[in-house]
Amino acid sequence: VYVGTDRVASLLRRRTDVAVAGSVGVAVATP
């Protein structure tokens, strides 16, 4: 509603390396 799925996908595709690193970091740091 407030951001838009296309914008979210576009931002993450622009920096896929950062997105993957962030996902792995959150994955390891959460129970």
Full PDB file with SEQRES, HELIX, SHEET, SSBOND, CRYST1, ORIGX, SCALE, CONECT and MASTER records, all heavy atoms in Angstrom:
SEQRES   1 A   31  VAL TYR VAL GLY THR ASP ARG VAL ALA SER LEU LEU ARG          
SEQRES   2 A   31  ARG ARG THR ASP VAL ALA VAL ALA GLY SER VAL GLY VAL          
SEQRES   3 A   31  ALA VAL ALA THR PRO                                          
HELIX    1 AA1 THR A    5  ARG A   14  1                                  10    
HELIX    2 AA2 THR A   16  ALA A   29  1                                  14    
CRYST1    1.000    1.000    1.000  90.00  90.00  90.00 P 1           1          
ORIGX1      1.000000  0.000000  0.000000        0.00000                         
ORIGX2      0.000000  1.000000  0.000000        0.00000                         
ORIGX3      0.000000  0.000000  1.000000        0.00000                         
SCALE1      1.000000  0.000000  0.000000        0.00000                         
SCALE2      0.000000  1.000000  0.000000        0.00000                         
SCALE3      0.000000  0.000000  1.000000        0.00000                         
ATOM      1  N   VAL A   1       0.823  -1.207   0.000  1.00  0.00           N  
ATOM      2  CA  VAL A   1       0.000   0.000   0.000  1.00  0.00           C  
ATOM      3  C   VAL A   1       0.858   1.258   0.000  1.00  0.00           C  
ATOM      4  O   VAL A   1       0.609   2.201  -0.765  1.00  0.00           O  
ATOM      5  CB  VAL A   1      -0.958  -0.004   1.206  1.00  0.00           C  
ATOM      6  CG1 VAL A   1      -1.689   1.331   1.325  1.00  0.00           C  
ATOM      7  CG2 VAL A   1      -1.967  -1.139   1.070  1.00  0.00           C  
ATOM      8  N   TYR A   2       1.881   1.318   0.843  1.00  0.00           N  
ATOM      9  CA  TYR A   2       2.622   2.562   1.062  1.00  0.00           C  
ATOM     10  C   TYR A   2       3.906   2.679   0.241  1.00  0.00           C  
ATOM     11  O   TYR A   2       4.413   3.785   0.063  1.00  0.00           O  
ATOM     12  CB  TYR A   2       2.958   2.707   2.548  1.00  0.00           C  
ATOM     13  CG  TYR A   2       1.745   2.806   3.427  1.00  0.00           C  
ATOM     14  CD1 TYR A   2       1.436   1.800   4.330  1.00  0.00           C  
ATOM     15  CD2 TYR A   2       0.887   3.897   3.337  1.00  0.00           C  
ATOM     16  CE1 TYR A   2       0.313   1.879   5.136  1.00  0.00           C  
ATOM     17  CE2 TYR A   2      -0.242   3.986   4.140  1.00  0.00           C  
ATOM     18  CZ  TYR A   2      -0.531   2.974   5.038  1.00  0.00           C  
ATOM     19  OH  TYR A   2      -1.647   3.052   5.827  1.00  0.00           O  
ATOM     20  N   VAL A   3       4.447   1.559  -0.221  1.00  0.00           N  
ATOM     21  CA  VAL A   3       5.680   1.608  -0.999  1.00  0.00           C  
ATOM     22  C   VAL A   3       5.438   1.146  -2.426  1.00  0.00           C  
ATOM     23  O   VAL A   3       5.835   1.813  -3.382  1.00  0.00           O  
ATOM     24  CB  VAL A   3       6.785   0.742  -0.344  1.00  0.00           C  
ATOM     25  CG1 VAL A   3       8.065   0.816  -1.166  1.00  0.00           C  
ATOM     26  CG2 VAL A   3       7.050   1.212   1.081  1.00  0.00           C  
ATOM     27  N   GLY A   4       4.771   0.010  -2.568  1.00  0.00           N  
ATOM     28  CA  GLY A   4       4.555  -0.560  -3.893  1.00  0.00           C  
ATOM     29  C   GLY A   4       5.495  -1.713  -4.138  1.00  0.00           C  
ATOM     30  O   GLY A   4       6.711  -1.575  -3.958  1.00  0.00           O  
ATOM     31  N   THR A   5       4.954  -2.859  -4.522  1.00  0.00           N  
ATOM     32  CA  THR A   5       5.779  -4.054  -4.714  1.00  0.00           C  
ATOM     33  C   THR A   5       6.800  -3.871  -5.828  1.00  0.00           C  
ATOM     34  O   THR A   5       7.920  -4.383  -5.757  1.00  0.00           O  
ATOM     35  CB  THR A   5       4.887  -5.266  -5.018  1.00  0.00           C  
ATOM     36  OG1 THR A   5       4.026  -4.952  -6.134  1.00  0.00           O  
ATOM     37  CG2 THR A   5       4.019  -5.619  -3.816  1.00  0.00           C  
ATOM     38  N   ASP A   6       6.435  -3.129  -6.872  1.00  0.00           N  
ATOM     39  CA  ASP A   6       7.386  -2.901  -7.963  1.00  0.00           C  
ATOM     40  C   ASP A   6       8.591  -2.111  -7.477  1.00  0.00           C  
ATOM     41  O   ASP A   6       9.730  -2.395  -7.861  1.00  0.00           O  
ATOM     42  CB  ASP A   6       6.700  -2.163  -9.115  1.00  0.00           C  
ATOM     43  CG  ASP A   6       5.670  -3.027  -9.825  1.00  0.00           C  
ATOM     44  OD1 ASP A   6       5.755  -4.263  -9.671  1.00  0.00           O  
ATOM     45  OD2 ASP A   6       4.803  -2.477 -10.514  1.00  0.00           O  
ATOM     46  N   ARG A   7       8.346  -1.117  -6.621  1.00  0.00           N  
ATOM     47  CA  ARG A   7       9.449  -0.302  -6.112  1.00  0.00           C  
ATOM     48  C   ARG A   7      10.340  -1.123  -5.195  1.00  0.00           C  
ATOM     49  O   ARG A   7      11.571  -1.011  -5.242  1.00  0.00           O  
ATOM     50  CB  ARG A   7       8.898   0.915  -5.367  1.00  0.00           C  
ATOM     51  CG  ARG A   7       9.976   1.870  -4.884  1.00  0.00           C  
ATOM     52  CD  ARG A   7       9.380   3.094  -4.219  1.00  0.00           C  
ATOM     53  NE  ARG A   7       8.563   3.854  -5.138  1.00  0.00           N  
ATOM     54  CZ  ARG A   7       7.888   4.943  -4.777  1.00  0.00           C  
ATOM     55  NH1 ARG A   7       7.924   5.369  -3.530  1.00  0.00           N  
ATOM     56  NH2 ARG A   7       7.168   5.594  -5.668  1.00  0.00           N  
ATOM     57  N   VAL A   8       9.719  -1.966  -4.335  1.00  0.00           N  
ATOM     58  CA  VAL A   8      10.503  -2.822  -3.448  1.00  0.00           C  
ATOM     59  C   VAL A   8      11.392  -3.754  -4.261  1.00  0.00           C  
ATOM     60  O   VAL A   8      12.601  -3.882  -4.000  1.00  0.00           O  
ATOM     61  CB  VAL A   8       9.580  -3.640  -2.531  1.00  0.00           C  
ATOM     62  CG1 VAL A   8      10.372  -4.672  -1.748  1.00  0.00           C  
ATOM     63  CG2 VAL A   8       8.831  -2.721  -1.569  1.00  0.00           C  
ATOM     64  N   ALA A   9      10.803  -4.402  -5.260  1.00  0.00           N  
ATOM     65  CA  ALA A   9      11.575  -5.332  -6.097  1.00  0.00           C  
ATOM     66  C   ALA A   9      12.689  -4.611  -6.837  1.00  0.00           C  
ATOM     67  O   ALA A   9      13.810  -5.115  -6.956  1.00  0.00           O  
ATOM     68  CB  ALA A   9      10.642  -6.031  -7.078  1.00  0.00           C  
ATOM     69  N   SER A  10      12.389  -3.406  -7.348  1.00  0.00           N  
ATOM     70  CA  SER A  10      13.390  -2.651  -8.089  1.00  0.00           C  
ATOM     71  C   SER A  10      14.562  -2.248  -7.198  1.00  0.00           C  
ATOM     72  O   SER A  10      15.733  -2.369  -7.596  1.00  0.00           O  
ATOM     73  CB  SER A  10      12.744  -1.397  -8.695  1.00  0.00           C  
ATOM     74  OG  SER A  10      13.701  -0.603  -9.353  1.00  0.00           O  
ATOM     75  N   LEU A  11      14.267  -1.801  -5.982  1.00  0.00           N  
ATOM     76  CA  LEU A  11      15.335  -1.399  -5.066  1.00  0.00           C  
ATOM     77  C   LEU A  11      16.236  -2.574  -4.704  1.00  0.00           C  
ATOM     78  O   LEU A  11      17.462  -2.452  -4.662  1.00  0.00           O  
ATOM     79  CB  LEU A  11      14.729  -0.795  -3.802  1.00  0.00           C  
ATOM     80  CG  LEU A  11      14.088   0.590  -3.950  1.00  0.00           C  
ATOM     81  CD1 LEU A  11      13.376   0.979  -2.661  1.00  0.00           C  
ATOM     82  CD2 LEU A  11      15.126   1.637  -4.316  1.00  0.00           C  
ATOM     83  N   LEU A  12      15.628  -3.736  -4.455  1.00  0.00           N  
ATOM     84  CA  LEU A  12      16.414  -4.901  -4.053  1.00  0.00           C  
ATOM     85  C   LEU A  12      17.192  -5.486  -5.230  1.00  0.00           C  
ATOM     86  O   LEU A  12      18.295  -6.008  -5.047  1.00  0.00           O  
ATOM     87  CB  LEU A  12      15.498  -5.963  -3.443  1.00  0.00           C  
ATOM     88  CG  LEU A  12      14.868  -5.588  -2.100  1.00  0.00           C  
ATOM     89  CD1 LEU A  12      13.918  -6.672  -1.618  1.00  0.00           C  
ATOM     90  CD2 LEU A  12      15.935  -5.328  -1.044  1.00  0.00           C  
ATOM     91  N   ARG A  13      16.622  -5.413  -6.423  1.00  0.00           N  
ATOM     92  CA  ARG A  13      17.351  -5.916  -7.591  1.00  0.00           C  
ATOM     93  C   ARG A  13      18.537  -5.009  -7.933  1.00  0.00           C  
ATOM     94  O   ARG A  13      19.534  -5.459  -8.486  1.00  0.00           O  
ATOM     95  CB  ARG A  13      16.410  -6.017  -8.791  1.00  0.00           C  
ATOM     96  CG  ARG A  13      15.451  -7.189  -8.720  1.00  0.00           C  
ATOM     97  CD  ARG A  13      14.795  -7.475 -10.049  1.00  0.00           C  
ATOM     98  NE  ARG A  13      13.870  -8.590  -9.946  1.00  0.00           N  
ATOM     99  CZ  ARG A  13      12.573  -8.475  -9.748  1.00  0.00           C  
ATOM    100  NH1 ARG A  13      12.053  -7.261  -9.627  1.00  0.00           N  
ATOM    101  NH2 ARG A  13      11.797  -9.539  -9.646  1.00  0.00           N  
ATOM    102  N   ARG A  14      18.419  -3.729  -7.593  1.00  0.00           N  
ATOM    103  CA  ARG A  14      19.498  -2.795  -7.883  1.00  0.00           C  
ATOM    104  C   ARG A  14      20.740  -3.138  -7.075  1.00  0.00           C  
ATOM    105  O   ARG A  14      21.859  -2.935  -7.516  1.00  0.00           O  
ATOM    106  CB  ARG A  14      19.022  -1.374  -7.579  1.00  0.00           C  
ATOM    107  CG  ARG A  14      19.771  -0.293  -8.340  1.00  0.00           C  
ATOM    108  CD  ARG A  14      19.143   1.057  -8.052  1.00  0.00           C  
ATOM    109  NE  ARG A  14      17.736   1.079  -8.395  1.00  0.00           N  
ATOM    110  CZ  ARG A  14      16.865   1.985  -7.927  1.00  0.00           C  
ATOM    111  NH1 ARG A  14      17.273   2.912  -7.082  1.00  0.00           N  
ATOM    112  NH2 ARG A  14      15.614   1.944  -8.304  1.00  0.00           N  
ATOM    113  N   ARG A  15      20.554  -3.631  -5.860  1.00  0.00           N  
ATOM    114  CA  ARG A  15      21.677  -4.026  -5.000  1.00  0.00           C  
ATOM    115  C   ARG A  15      21.435  -5.441  -4.484  1.00  0.00           C  
ATOM    116  O   ARG A  15      21.187  -5.656  -3.306  1.00  0.00           O  
ATOM    117  CB  ARG A  15      21.825  -3.045  -3.845  1.00  0.00           C  
ATOM    118  CG  ARG A  15      22.250  -1.657  -4.242  1.00  0.00           C  
ATOM    119  CD  ARG A  15      23.596  -1.628  -4.981  1.00  0.00           C  
ATOM    120  NE  ARG A  15      24.654  -2.290  -4.229  1.00  0.00           N  
ATOM    121  CZ  ARG A  15      25.408  -1.676  -3.335  1.00  0.00           C  
ATOM    122  NH1 ARG A  15      25.222  -0.388  -3.085  1.00  0.00           N  
ATOM    123  NH2 ARG A  15      26.362  -2.329  -2.694  1.00  0.00           N  
ATOM    124  N   THR A  16      21.495  -6.396  -5.387  1.00  0.00           N  
ATOM    125  CA  THR A  16      21.220  -7.784  -5.020  1.00  0.00           C  
ATOM    126  C   THR A  16      22.224  -8.302  -4.008  1.00  0.00           C  
ATOM    127  O   THR A  16      21.879  -9.059  -3.096  1.00  0.00           O  
ATOM    128  CB  THR A  16      21.244  -8.679  -6.277  1.00  0.00           C  
ATOM    129  OG1 THR A  16      20.301  -8.171  -7.228  1.00  0.00           O  
ATOM    130  CG2 THR A  16      20.874 -10.114  -5.926  1.00  0.00           C  
ATOM    131  N   ASP A  17      23.492  -7.891  -4.147  1.00  0.00           N  
ATOM    132  CA  ASP A  17      24.507  -8.363  -3.213  1.00  0.00           C  
ATOM    133  C   ASP A  17      24.206  -7.911  -1.788  1.00  0.00           C  
ATOM    134  O   ASP A  17      24.323  -8.693  -0.828  1.00  0.00           O  
ATOM    135  CB  ASP A  17      25.884  -7.877  -3.644  1.00  0.00           C  
ATOM    136  CG  ASP A  17      25.922  -6.352  -3.870  1.00  0.00           C  
ATOM    137  OD1 ASP A  17      24.849  -5.728  -3.951  1.00  0.00           O  
ATOM    138  OD2 ASP A  17      27.037  -5.807  -3.958  1.00  0.00           O  
ATOM    139  N   VAL A  18      23.792  -6.664  -1.635  1.00  0.00           N  
ATOM    140  CA  VAL A  18      23.444  -6.156  -0.307  1.00  0.00           C  
ATOM    141  C   VAL A  18      22.195  -6.860   0.225  1.00  0.00           C  
ATOM    142  O   VAL A  18      22.112  -7.195   1.415  1.00  0.00           O  
ATOM    143  CB  VAL A  18      23.234  -4.633  -0.353  1.00  0.00           C  
ATOM    144  CG1 VAL A  18      22.767  -4.109   0.999  1.00  0.00           C  
ATOM    145  CG2 VAL A  18      24.510  -3.924  -0.791  1.00  0.00           C  
ATOM    146  N   ALA A  19      21.218  -7.096  -0.657  1.00  0.00           N  
ATOM    147  CA  ALA A  19      19.987  -7.759  -0.243  1.00  0.00           C  
ATOM    148  C   ALA A  19      20.254  -9.177   0.248  1.00  0.00           C  
ATOM    149  O   ALA A  19      19.713  -9.617   1.267  1.00  0.00           O  
ATOM    150  CB  ALA A  19      18.988  -7.781  -1.402  1.00  0.00           C  
ATOM    151  N   VAL A  20      21.112  -9.916  -0.471  1.00  0.00           N  
ATOM    152  CA  VAL A  20      21.436 -11.290  -0.078  1.00  0.00           C  
ATOM    153  C   VAL A  20      22.213 -11.287   1.238  1.00  0.00           C  
ATOM    154  O   VAL A  20      21.925 -12.084   2.149  1.00  0.00           O  
ATOM    155  CB  VAL A  20      22.245 -11.983  -1.188  1.00  0.00           C  
ATOM    156  CG1 VAL A  20      22.807 -13.316  -0.688  1.00  0.00           C  
ATOM    157  CG2 VAL A  20      21.369 -12.220  -2.414  1.00  0.00           C  
ATOM    158  N   ALA A  21      23.196 -10.403   1.355  1.00  0.00           N  
ATOM    159  CA  ALA A  21      23.978 -10.326   2.592  1.00  0.00           C  
ATOM    160  C   ALA A  21      23.085  -9.966   3.777  1.00  0.00           C  
ATOM    161  O   ALA A  21      23.218 -10.537   4.869  1.00  0.00           O  
ATOM    162  CB  ALA A  21      25.102  -9.303   2.440  1.00  0.00           C  
ATOM    163  N   GLY A  22      22.165  -9.031   3.569  1.00  0.00           N  
ATOM    164  CA  GLY A  22      21.244  -8.656   4.641  1.00  0.00           C  
ATOM    165  C   GLY A  22      20.330  -9.795   5.032  1.00  0.00           C  
ATOM    166  O   GLY A  22      20.068 -10.020   6.223  1.00  0.00           O  
ATOM    167  N   SER A  23      19.829 -10.532   4.043  1.00  0.00           N  
ATOM    168  CA  SER A  23      18.951 -11.666   4.331  1.00  0.00           C  
ATOM    169  C   SER A  23      19.671 -12.742   5.130  1.00  0.00           C  
ATOM    170  O   SER A  23      19.132 -13.286   6.091  1.00  0.00           O  
ATOM    171  CB  SER A  23      18.420 -12.269   3.025  1.00  0.00           C  
ATOM    172  OG  SER A  23      17.533 -11.384   2.388  1.00  0.00           O  
ATOM    173  N   VAL A  24      20.908 -13.047   4.739  1.00  0.00           N  
ATOM    174  CA  VAL A  24      21.685 -14.061   5.454  1.00  0.00           C  
ATOM    175  C   VAL A  24      21.996 -13.581   6.870  1.00  0.00           C  
ATOM    176  O   VAL A  24      21.916 -14.363   7.839  1.00  0.00           O  
ATOM    177  CB  VAL A  24      22.977 -14.394   4.683  1.00  0.00           C  
ATOM    178  CG1 VAL A  24      23.868 -15.314   5.508  1.00  0.00           C  
ATOM    179  CG2 VAL A  24      22.643 -15.044   3.349  1.00  0.00           C  
ATOM    180  N   GLY A  25      22.355 -12.310   7.014  1.00  0.00           N  
ATOM    181  CA  GLY A  25      22.640 -11.776   8.341  1.00  0.00           C  
ATOM    182  C   GLY A  25      21.445 -11.848   9.267  1.00  0.00           C  
ATOM    183  O   GLY A  25      21.565 -12.264  10.431  1.00  0.00           O  
ATOM    184  N   VAL A  26      20.276 -11.472   8.760  1.00  0.00           N  
ATOM    185  CA  VAL A  26      19.056 -11.559   9.567  1.00  0.00           C  
ATOM    186  C   VAL A  26      18.718 -13.011   9.876  1.00  0.00           C  
ATOM    187  O   VAL A  26      18.281 -13.352  10.984  1.00  0.00           O  
ATOM    188  CB  VAL A  26      17.877 -10.876   8.829  1.00  0.00           C  
ATOM    189  CG1 VAL A  26      16.561 -11.124   9.557  1.00  0.00           C  
ATOM    190  CG2 VAL A  26      18.133  -9.380   8.704  1.00  0.00           C  
ATOM    191  N   ALA A  27      18.929 -13.891   8.897  1.00  0.00           N  
ATOM    192  CA  ALA A  27      18.624 -15.309   9.089  1.00  0.00           C  
ATOM    193  C   ALA A  27      19.448 -15.917  10.220  1.00  0.00           C  
ATOM    194  O   ALA A  27      18.928 -16.657  11.058  1.00  0.00           O  
ATOM    195  CB  ALA A  27      18.868 -16.075   7.789  1.00  0.00           C  
ATOM    196  N   VAL A  28      20.735 -15.590  10.258  1.00  0.00           N  
ATOM    197  CA  VAL A  28      21.618 -16.150  11.277  1.00  0.00           C  
ATOM    198  C   VAL A  28      21.369 -15.509  12.641  1.00  0.00           C  
ATOM    199  O   VAL A  28      21.547 -16.152  13.682  1.00  0.00           O  
ATOM    200  CB  VAL A  28      23.093 -15.968  10.843  1.00  0.00           C  
ATOM    201  CG1 VAL A  28      24.041 -16.412  11.949  1.00  0.00           C  
ATOM    202  CG2 VAL A  28      23.373 -16.777   9.580  1.00  0.00           C  
ATOM    203  N   ALA A  29      20.929 -14.267  12.648  1.00  0.00           N  
ATOM    204  CA  ALA A  29      20.775 -13.534  13.905  1.00  0.00           C  
ATOM    205  C   ALA A  29      19.409 -13.705  14.551  1.00  0.00           C  
ATOM    206  O   ALA A  29      19.186 -13.211  15.656  1.00  0.00           O  
ATOM    207  CB  ALA A  29      21.036 -12.046  13.670  1.00  0.00           C  
ATOM    208  N   THR A  30      18.472 -14.391  13.900  1.00  0.00           N  
ATOM    209  CA  THR A  30      17.117 -14.552  14.444  1.00  0.00           C  
ATOM    210  C   THR A  30      16.852 -16.001  14.811  1.00  0.00           C  
ATOM    211  O   THR A  30      17.338 -16.920  14.138  1.00  0.00           O  
ATOM    212  CB  THR A  30      16.068 -14.077  13.430  1.00  0.00           C  
ATOM    213  OG1 THR A  30      16.328 -14.686  12.152  1.00  0.00           O  
ATOM    214  CG2 THR A  30      16.110 -12.574  13.279  1.00  0.00           C  
ATOM    215  N   PRO A  31      16.063 -16.244  15.852  1.00  0.00           N  
ATOM    216  CA  PRO A  31      15.828 -17.614  16.334  1.00  0.00           C  
ATOM    217  C   PRO A  31      14.652 -18.300  15.642  1.00  0.00           C  
ATOM    218  O   PRO A  31      13.701 -18.743  16.282  1.00  0.00           O  
ATOM    219  CB  PRO A  31      15.523 -17.393  17.820  1.00  0.00           C  
ATOM    220  CG  PRO A  31      14.847 -16.066  17.856  1.00  0.00           C  
ATOM    221  CD  PRO A  31      15.472 -15.246  16.764  1.00  0.00           C  
TER     222      PRO A  31                                                      
MASTER        0    0    0    2    0    0    0    6  221    1    0    3          
END                                                                             
